[in-house]
Amino acid sequence: MMPYVVVLGVVGTVLTALGFGGRALRRRGGVGSSAVPGALSGYEEAMRATSYRARVELVAEADRQEPVAALGGRRWRITSWGRPRR
């Protein structure tokens, strides 16, 4: 029973430390948080060529879609990042 308590305590401590670290990074504007997506996309491109090709195809498909008329009469086009563009 004692090893389970020790393991549970270690897991709880690690998760708490990660939570506090994440909160501190978000509060400071994320010192390294802007570099993480770039590093991960580089990893994806190098190690997982099929997922990179799939992402390129999805972006190209999003660019080919025709804009849809909105209720207010404006035409919006969803960009590859999900933000509406006028």
PDB file of N, CA and C in Angstrom:
ATOM      1  N   MET A   1       0.816  -1.194   0.000  1.00  0.00           N
ATOM      2  CA  MET A   1       0.000   0.000   0.000  1.00  0.00           C
ATOM      3  C   MET A   1       0.862   1.261   0.000  1.00  0.00           C
ATOM      4  N   MET A   2       1.970   1.223   0.674  1.00  0.00           N
ATOM      5  CA  MET A   2       2.824   2.399   0.770  1.00  0.00           C
ATOM      6  C   MET A   2       3.402   2.820  -0.583  1.00  0.00           C
ATOM      7  N   PRO A   3       3.836   1.877  -1.453  1.00  0.00           N
ATOM      8  CA  PRO A   3       4.344   2.321  -2.764  1.00  0.00           C
ATOM      9  C   PRO A   3       3.289   3.063  -3.590  1.00  0.00           C
ATOM     10  N   TYR A   4       2.021   2.660  -3.470  1.00  0.00           N
ATOM     11  CA  TYR A   4       0.966   3.346  -4.207  1.00  0.00           C
ATOM     12  C   TYR A   4       0.810   4.786  -3.729  1.00  0.00           C
ATOM     13  N   VAL A   5       0.935   4.991  -2.439  1.00  0.00           N
ATOM     14  CA  VAL A   5       0.816   6.336  -1.885  1.00  0.00           C
ATOM     15  C   VAL A   5       1.982   7.203  -2.364  1.00  0.00           C
ATOM     16  N   VAL A   6       3.181   6.610  -2.411  1.00  0.00           N
ATOM     17  CA  VAL A   6       4.356   7.351  -2.871  1.00  0.00           C
ATOM     18  C   VAL A   6       4.202   7.724  -4.344  1.00  0.00           C
ATOM     19  N   VAL A   7       3.787   6.765  -5.170  1.00  0.00           N
ATOM     20  CA  VAL A   7       3.601   7.031  -6.604  1.00  0.00           C
ATOM     21  C   VAL A   7       2.525   8.093  -6.808  1.00  0.00           C
ATOM     22  N   LEU A   8       1.441   7.990  -6.076  1.00  0.00           N
ATOM     23  CA  LEU A   8       0.368   8.978  -6.189  1.00  0.00           C
ATOM     24  C   LEU A   8       0.858  10.364  -5.770  1.00  0.00           C
ATOM     25  N   GLY A   9       1.667  10.431  -4.736  1.00  0.00           N
ATOM     26  CA  GLY A   9       2.225  11.710  -4.296  1.00  0.00           C
ATOM     27  C   GLY A   9       3.159  12.315  -5.327  1.00  0.00           C
ATOM     28  N   VAL A  10       3.995  11.477  -5.951  1.00  0.00           N
ATOM     29  CA  VAL A  10       4.923  11.970  -6.975  1.00  0.00           C
ATOM     30  C   VAL A  10       4.156  12.472  -8.193  1.00  0.00           C
ATOM     31  N   VAL A  11       3.160  11.711  -8.630  1.00  0.00           N
ATOM     32  CA  VAL A  11       2.362  12.127  -9.790  1.00  0.00           C
ATOM     33  C   VAL A  11       1.634  13.438  -9.486  1.00  0.00           C
ATOM     34  N   GLY A  12       1.068  13.548  -8.296  1.00  0.00           N
ATOM     35  CA  GLY A  12       0.384  14.783  -7.910  1.00  0.00           C
ATOM     36  C   GLY A  12       1.321  15.974  -7.871  1.00  0.00           C
ATOM     37  N   THR A  13       2.531  15.763  -7.367  1.00  0.00           N
ATOM     38  CA  THR A  13       3.514  16.846  -7.305  1.00  0.00           C
ATOM     39  C   THR A  13       3.930  17.299  -8.698  1.00  0.00           C
ATOM     40  N   VAL A  14       4.170  16.343  -9.588  1.00  0.00           N
ATOM     41  CA  VAL A  14       4.578  16.685 -10.955  1.00  0.00           C
ATOM     42  C   VAL A  14       3.467  17.442 -11.678  1.00  0.00           C
ATOM     43  N   LEU A  15       2.235  16.966 -11.547  1.00  0.00           N
ATOM     44  CA  LEU A  15       1.126  17.646 -12.219  1.00  0.00           C
ATOM     45  C   LEU A  15       0.904  19.053 -11.660  1.00  0.00           C
ATOM     46  N   THR A  16       1.066  19.208 -10.357  1.00  0.00           N
ATOM     47  CA  THR A  16       0.929  20.536  -9.758  1.00  0.00           C
ATOM     48  C   THR A  16       2.019  21.479 -10.262  1.00  0.00           C
ATOM     49  N   ALA A  17       3.251  20.978 -10.328  1.00  0.00           N
ATOM     50  CA  ALA A  17       4.358  21.804 -10.823  1.00  0.00           C
ATOM     51  C   ALA A  17       4.133  22.207 -12.276  1.00  0.00           C
ATOM     52  N   LEU A  18       3.640  21.283 -13.096  1.00  0.00           N
ATOM     53  CA  LEU A  18       3.356  21.615 -14.497  1.00  0.00           C
ATOM     54  C   LEU A  18       2.242  22.657 -14.603  1.00  0.00           C
ATOM     55  N   GLY A  19       1.238  22.552 -13.761  1.00  0.00           N
ATOM     56  CA  GLY A  19       0.155  23.536 -13.769  1.00  0.00           C
ATOM     57  C   GLY A  19       0.634  24.925 -13.403  1.00  0.00           C
ATOM     58  N   PHE A  20       1.465  25.014 -12.346  1.00  0.00           N
ATOM     59  CA  PHE A  20       2.004  26.315 -11.953  1.00  0.00           C
ATOM     60  C   PHE A  20       2.938  26.875 -13.024  1.00  0.00           C
ATOM     61  N   GLY A  21       3.734  26.013 -13.634  1.00  0.00           N
ATOM     62  CA  GLY A  21       4.632  26.470 -14.699  1.00  0.00           C
ATOM     63  C   GLY A  21       3.867  26.984 -15.904  1.00  0.00           C
ATOM     64  N   GLY A  22       2.796  26.288 -16.283  1.00  0.00           N
ATOM     65  CA  GLY A  22       1.971  26.735 -17.403  1.00  0.00           C
ATOM     66  C   GLY A  22       1.287  28.056 -17.121  1.00  0.00           C
ATOM     67  N   ARG A  23       0.831  28.218 -15.885  1.00  0.00           N
ATOM     68  CA  ARG A  23       0.183  29.477 -15.524  1.00  0.00           C
ATOM     69  C   ARG A  23       1.184  30.635 -15.557  1.00  0.00           C
ATOM     70  N   ALA A  24       2.402  30.378 -15.091  1.00  0.00           N
ATOM     71  CA  ALA A  24       3.429  31.422 -15.111  1.00  0.00           C
ATOM     72  C   ALA A  24       3.803  31.796 -16.542  1.00  0.00           C
ATOM     73  N   LEU A  25       3.892  30.814 -17.435  1.00  0.00           N
ATOM     74  CA  LEU A  25       4.208  31.113 -18.836  1.00  0.00           C
ATOM     75  C   LEU A  25       3.104  31.924 -19.497  1.00  0.00           C
ATOM     76  N   ARG A  26       1.851  31.574 -19.216  1.00  0.00           N
ATOM     77  CA  ARG A  26       0.744  32.329 -19.802  1.00  0.00           C
ATOM     78  C   ARG A  26       0.715  33.755 -19.274  1.00  0.00           C
ATOM     79  N   ARG A  27       1.031  33.934 -18.004  1.00  0.00           N
ATOM     80  CA  ARG A  27       0.996  35.267 -17.408  1.00  0.00           C
ATOM     81  C   ARG A  27       2.083  36.157 -17.987  1.00  0.00           C
ATOM     82  N   ARG A  28       3.251  35.595 -18.256  1.00  0.00           N
ATOM     83  CA  ARG A  28       4.366  36.386 -18.777  1.00  0.00           C
ATOM     84  C   ARG A  28       4.323  36.530 -20.290  1.00  0.00           C
ATOM     85  N   GLY A  29       3.341  35.999 -20.922  1.00  0.00           N
ATOM     86  CA  GLY A  29       3.267  36.096 -22.369  1.00  0.00           C
ATOM     87  C   GLY A  29       3.936  34.929 -23.056  1.00  0.00           C
ATOM     88  N   GLY A  30       4.358  33.953 -22.310  1.00  0.00           N
ATOM     89  CA  GLY A  30       4.926  32.750 -22.902  1.00  0.00           C
ATOM     90  C   GLY A  30       6.265  32.993 -23.546  1.00  0.00           C
ATOM     91  N   VAL A  31       7.310  32.965 -22.756  1.00  0.00           N
ATOM     92  CA  VAL A  31       8.648  33.229 -23.278  1.00  0.00           C
ATOM     93  C   VAL A  31       8.968  32.292 -24.432  1.00  0.00           C
ATOM     94  N   GLY A  32       8.741  31.011 -24.247  1.00  0.00           N
ATOM     95  CA  GLY A  32       9.042  30.060 -25.307  1.00  0.00           C
ATOM     96  C   GLY A  32       7.808  29.528 -25.993  1.00  0.00           C
ATOM     97  N   SER A  33       6.652  30.077 -25.637  1.00  0.00           N
ATOM     98  CA  SER A  33       5.419  29.513 -26.177  1.00  0.00           C
ATOM     99  C   SER A  33       5.249  29.803 -27.664  1.00  0.00           C
ATOM    100  N   SER A  34       5.867  30.858 -28.176  1.00  0.00           N
ATOM    101  CA  SER A  34       5.739  31.138 -29.605  1.00  0.00           C
ATOM    102  C   SER A  34       6.672  30.254 -30.425  1.00  0.00           C
ATOM    103  N   ALA A  35       7.709  29.727 -29.795  1.00  0.00           N
ATOM    104  CA  ALA A  35       8.651  28.877 -30.514  1.00  0.00           C
ATOM    105  C   ALA A  35       8.175  27.435 -30.586  1.00  0.00           C
ATOM    106  N   VAL A  36       7.284  27.044 -29.686  1.00  0.00           N
ATOM    107  CA  VAL A  36       6.848  25.649 -29.635  1.00  0.00           C
ATOM    108  C   VAL A  36       6.108  25.233 -30.903  1.00  0.00           C
ATOM    109  N   PRO A  37       5.123  25.994 -31.415  1.00  0.00           N
ATOM    110  CA  PRO A  37       4.460  25.562 -32.646  1.00  0.00           C
ATOM    111  C   PRO A  37       5.417  25.457 -33.836  1.00  0.00           C
ATOM    112  N   GLY A  38       6.372  26.365 -33.918  1.00  0.00           N
ATOM    113  CA  GLY A  38       7.349  26.291 -35.006  1.00  0.00           C
ATOM    114  C   GLY A  38       8.215  25.057 -34.911  1.00  0.00           C
ATOM    115  N   ALA A  39       8.638  24.728 -33.700  1.00  0.00           N
ATOM    116  CA  ALA A  39       9.458  23.536 -33.513  1.00  0.00           C
ATOM    117  C   ALA A  39       8.656  22.280 -33.800  1.00  0.00           C
ATOM    118  N   LEU A  40       7.406  22.259 -33.375  1.00  0.00           N
ATOM    119  CA  LEU A  40       6.588  21.080 -33.619  1.00  0.00           C
ATOM    120  C   LEU A  40       6.262  20.919 -35.099  1.00  0.00           C
ATOM    121  N   SER A  41       6.030  22.016 -35.801  1.00  0.00           N
ATOM    122  CA  SER A  41       5.752  21.884 -37.231  1.00  0.00           C
ATOM    123  C   SER A  41       6.995  21.425 -37.980  1.00  0.00           C
ATOM    124  N   GLY A  42       8.171  21.878 -37.534  1.00  0.00           N
ATOM    125  CA  GLY A  42       9.408  21.380 -38.135  1.00  0.00           C
ATOM    126  C   GLY A  42       9.589  19.897 -37.891  1.00  0.00           C
ATOM    127  N   TYR A  43       9.261  19.445 -36.689  1.00  0.00           N
ATOM    128  CA  TYR A  43       9.338  18.015 -36.376  1.00  0.00           C
ATOM    129  C   TYR A  43       8.346  17.232 -37.226  1.00  0.00           C
ATOM    130  N   GLU A  44       7.125  17.745 -37.320  1.00  0.00           N
ATOM    131  CA  GLU A  44       6.109  17.066 -38.125  1.00  0.00           C
ATOM    132  C   GLU A  44       6.551  16.954 -39.580  1.00  0.00           C
ATOM    133  N   GLU A  45       7.124  18.030 -40.095  1.00  0.00           N
ATOM    134  CA  GLU A  45       7.555  18.022 -41.489  1.00  0.00           C
ATOM    135  C   GLU A  45       8.679  17.022 -41.718  1.00  0.00           C
ATOM    136  N   ALA A  46       9.602  16.937 -40.770  1.00  0.00           N
ATOM    137  CA  ALA A  46      10.762  16.064 -40.951  1.00  0.00           C
ATOM    138  C   ALA A  46      10.438  14.606 -40.678  1.00  0.00           C
ATOM    139  N   MET A  47       9.724  14.327 -39.614  1.00  0.00           N
ATOM    140  CA  MET A  47       9.528  12.950 -39.178  1.00  0.00           C
ATOM    141  C   MET A  47       8.247  12.319 -39.699  1.00  0.00           C
ATOM    142  N   ARG A  48       7.263  13.121 -39.932  1.00  0.00           N
ATOM    143  CA  ARG A  48       5.976  12.570 -40.367  1.00  0.00           C
ATOM    144  C   ARG A  48       5.562  13.259 -41.659  1.00  0.00           C
ATOM    145  N   ALA A  49       6.150  12.811 -42.718  1.00  0.00           N
ATOM    146  CA  ALA A  49       5.917  13.467 -44.010  1.00  0.00           C
ATOM    147  C   ALA A  49       4.464  13.348 -44.446  1.00  0.00           C
ATOM    148  N   THR A  50       3.804  12.251 -44.091  1.00  0.00           N
ATOM    149  CA  THR A  50       2.417  12.085 -44.514  1.00  0.00           C
ATOM    150  C   THR A  50       1.505  13.094 -43.832  1.00  0.00           C
ATOM    151  N   SER A  51       1.734  13.380 -42.552  1.00  0.00           N
ATOM    152  CA  SER A  51       0.880  14.357 -41.885  1.00  0.00           C
ATOM    153  C   SER A  51       1.154  15.766 -42.415  1.00  0.00           C
ATOM    154  N   TYR A  52       2.386  16.045 -42.795  1.00  0.00           N
ATOM    155  CA  TYR A  52       2.700  17.353 -43.378  1.00  0.00           C
ATOM    156  C   TYR A  52       1.981  17.504 -44.717  1.00  0.00           C
ATOM    157  N   ARG A  53       2.022  16.460 -45.523  1.00  0.00           N
ATOM    158  CA  ARG A  53       1.329  16.524 -46.817  1.00  0.00           C
ATOM    159  C   ARG A  53      -0.175  16.689 -46.624  1.00  0.00           C
ATOM    160  N   ALA A  54      -0.721  16.018 -45.618  1.00  0.00           N
ATOM    161  CA  ALA A  54      -2.150  16.144 -45.355  1.00  0.00           C
ATOM    162  C   ALA A  54      -2.497  17.571 -44.933  1.00  0.00           C
ATOM    163  N   ARG A  55      -1.648  18.190 -44.124  1.00  0.00           N
ATOM    164  CA  ARG A  55      -1.910  19.561 -43.698  1.00  0.00           C
ATOM    165  C   ARG A  55      -1.823  20.528 -44.867  1.00  0.00           C
ATOM    166  N   VAL A  56      -0.844  20.322 -45.742  1.00  0.00           N
ATOM    167  CA  VAL A  56      -0.719  21.175 -46.927  1.00  0.00           C
ATOM    168  C   VAL A  56      -1.961  21.034 -47.797  1.00  0.00           C
ATOM    169  N   GLU A  57      -2.458  19.820 -47.926  1.00  0.00           N
ATOM    170  CA  GLU A  57      -3.652  19.595 -48.736  1.00  0.00           C
ATOM    171  C   GLU A  57      -4.878  20.249 -48.099  1.00  0.00           C
ATOM    172  N   LEU A  58      -4.988  20.193 -46.773  1.00  0.00           N
ATOM    173  CA  LEU A  58      -6.116  20.830 -46.100  1.00  0.00           C
ATOM    174  C   LEU A  58      -6.074  22.350 -46.255  1.00  0.00           C
ATOM    175  N   VAL A  59      -4.890  22.933 -46.172  1.00  0.00           N
ATOM    176  CA  VAL A  59      -4.755  24.382 -46.360  1.00  0.00           C
ATOM    177  C   VAL A  59      -5.116  24.756 -47.792  1.00  0.00           C
ATOM    178  N   ALA A  60      -4.672  23.963 -48.754  1.00  0.00           N
ATOM    179  CA  ALA A  60      -5.000  24.244 -50.154  1.00  0.00           C
ATOM    180  C   ALA A  60      -6.496  24.114 -50.393  1.00  0.00           C
ATOM    181  N   GLU A  61      -7.128  23.131 -49.773  1.00  0.00           N
ATOM    182  CA  GLU A  61      -8.569  22.959 -49.924  1.00  0.00           C
ATOM    183  C   GLU A  61      -9.323  24.136 -49.303  1.00  0.00           C
ATOM    184  N   ALA A  62      -8.852  24.617 -48.162  1.00  0.00           N
ATOM    185  CA  ALA A  62      -9.502  25.767 -47.527  1.00  0.00           C
ATOM    186  C   ALA A  62      -9.362  27.012 -48.398  1.00  0.00           C
ATOM    187  N   ASP A  63      -8.250  27.144 -49.099  1.00  0.00           N
ATOM    188  CA  ASP A  63      -8.059  28.293 -49.983  1.00  0.00           C
ATOM    189  C   ASP A  63      -8.925  28.213 -51.236  1.00  0.00           C
ATOM    190  N   ARG A  64      -9.268  27.003 -51.663  1.00  0.00           N
ATOM    191  CA  ARG A  64     -10.075  26.834 -52.874  1.00  0.00           C
ATOM    192  C   ARG A  64     -11.560  27.048 -52.637  1.00  0.00           C
ATOM    193  N   GLN A  65     -12.003  27.032 -51.386  1.00  0.00           N
ATOM    194  CA  GLN A  65     -13.434  27.124 -51.114  1.00  0.00           C
ATOM    195  C   GLN A  65     -13.965  28.510 -51.453  1.00  0.00           C
ATOM    196  N   GLU A  66     -15.167  28.533 -51.968  1.00  0.00           N
ATOM    197  CA  GLU A  66     -15.832  29.774 -52.350  1.00  0.00           C
ATOM    198  C   GLU A  66     -16.412  30.440 -51.106  1.00  0.00           C
ATOM    199  N   PRO A  67     -16.308  31.765 -50.990  1.00  0.00           N
ATOM    200  CA  PRO A  67     -16.887  32.455 -49.834  1.00  0.00           C
ATOM    201  C   PRO A  67     -18.405  32.295 -49.799  1.00  0.00           C
ATOM    202  N   VAL A  68     -18.951  32.268 -48.597  1.00  0.00           N
ATOM    203  CA  VAL A  68     -20.387  32.106 -48.408  1.00  0.00           C
ATOM    204  C   VAL A  68     -20.950  33.439 -47.937  1.00  0.00           C
ATOM    205  N   ALA A  69     -22.124  33.811 -48.462  1.00  0.00           N
ATOM    206  CA  ALA A  69     -22.750  35.071 -48.070  1.00  0.00           C
ATOM    207  C   ALA A  69     -23.238  34.976 -46.630  1.00  0.00           C
ATOM    208  N   ALA A  70     -22.924  35.978 -45.822  1.00  0.00           N
ATOM    209  CA  ALA A  70     -23.362  36.016 -44.434  1.00  0.00           C
ATOM    210  C   ALA A  70     -24.735  36.673 -44.350  1.00  0.00           C
ATOM    211  N   LEU A  71     -25.330  36.652 -43.175  1.00  0.00           N
ATOM    212  CA  LEU A  71     -26.659  37.221 -42.999  1.00  0.00           C
ATOM    213  C   LEU A  71     -26.672  38.726 -43.225  1.00  0.00           C
ATOM    214  N   GLY A  72     -25.602  39.408 -42.839  1.00  0.00           N
ATOM    215  CA  GLY A  72     -25.558  40.856 -42.977  1.00  0.00           C
ATOM    216  C   GLY A  72     -25.228  41.321 -44.382  1.00  0.00           C
ATOM    217  N   GLY A  73     -25.075  40.428 -45.319  1.00  0.00           N
ATOM    218  CA  GLY A  73     -24.757  40.804 -46.677  1.00  0.00           C
ATOM    219  C   GLY A  73     -23.269  40.803 -46.967  1.00  0.00           C
ATOM    220  N   ARG A  74     -22.428  40.727 -45.939  1.00  0.00           N
ATOM    221  CA  ARG A  74     -20.987  40.672 -46.166  1.00  0.00           C
ATOM    222  C   ARG A  74     -20.582  39.257 -46.533  1.00  0.00           C
ATOM    223  N   ARG A  75     -19.498  39.188 -47.261  1.00  0.00           N
ATOM    224  CA  ARG A  75     -18.987  37.865 -47.628  1.00  0.00           C
ATOM    225  C   ARG A  75     -17.740  37.605 -46.795  1.00  0.00           C
ATOM    226  N   TRP A  76     -17.738  36.482 -46.111  1.00  0.00           N
ATOM    227  CA  TRP A  76     -16.618  36.108 -45.260  1.00  0.00           C
ATOM    228  C   TRP A  76     -15.951  34.885 -45.847  1.00  0.00           C
ATOM    229  N   ARG A  77     -14.665  34.823 -45.675  1.00  0.00           N
ATOM    230  CA  ARG A  77     -13.933  33.636 -46.112  1.00  0.00           C
ATOM    231  C   ARG A  77     -13.109  33.155 -44.923  1.00  0.00           C
ATOM    232  N   ILE A  78     -13.242  31.886 -44.608  1.00  0.00           N
ATOM    233  CA  ILE A  78     -12.491  31.322 -43.498  1.00  0.00           C
ATOM    234  C   ILE A  78     -11.085  31.014 -43.998  1.00  0.00           C
ATOM    235  N   THR A  79     -10.086  31.542 -43.300  1.00  0.00           N
ATOM    236  CA  THR A  79      -8.700  31.301 -43.690  1.00  0.00           C
ATOM    237  C   THR A  79      -8.263  29.936 -43.193  1.00  0.00           C
ATOM    238  N   SER A  80      -7.053  29.567 -43.535  1.00  0.00           N
ATOM    239  CA  SER A  80      -6.550  28.259 -43.139  1.00  0.00           C
ATOM    240  C   SER A  80      -6.359  28.161 -41.635  1.00  0.00           C
ATOM    241  N   TRP A  81      -6.304  29.287 -40.932  1.00  0.00           N
ATOM    242  CA  TRP A  81      -6.114  29.253 -39.481  1.00  0.00           C
ATOM    243  C   TRP A  81      -7.434  29.373 -38.747  1.00  0.00           C
ATOM    244  N   GLY A  82      -8.554  29.447 -39.449  1.00  0.00           N
ATOM    245  CA  GLY A  82      -9.851  29.470 -38.805  1.00  0.00           C
ATOM    246  C   GLY A  82     -10.368  30.853 -38.475  1.00  0.00           C
ATOM    247  N   ARG A  83      -9.624  31.899 -38.795  1.00  0.00           N
ATOM    248  CA  ARG A  83     -10.078  33.252 -38.518  1.00  0.00           C
ATOM    249  C   ARG A  83     -10.802  33.798 -39.743  1.00  0.00           C
ATOM    250  N   PRO A  84     -11.938  34.461 -39.553  1.00  0.00           N
ATOM    251  CA  PRO A  84     -12.628  35.018 -40.719  1.00  0.00           C
ATOM    252  C   PRO A  84     -11.858  36.187 -41.312  1.00  0.00           C
ATOM    253  N   ARG A  85     -11.845  36.252 -42.617  1.00  0.00           N
ATOM    254  CA  ARG A  85     -11.197  37.342 -43.332  1.00  0.00           C
ATOM    255  C   ARG A  85     -12.253  38.055 -44.155  1.00  0.00           C
ATOM    256  N   ARG A  86     -12.225  39.368 -44.154  1.00  0.00           N
ATOM    257  CA  ARG A  86     -13.226  40.129 -44.917  1.00  0.00           C
ATOM    258  C   ARG A  86     -12.811  40.272 -46.336  1.00  0.00           C
TER     259      ARG A  86
END
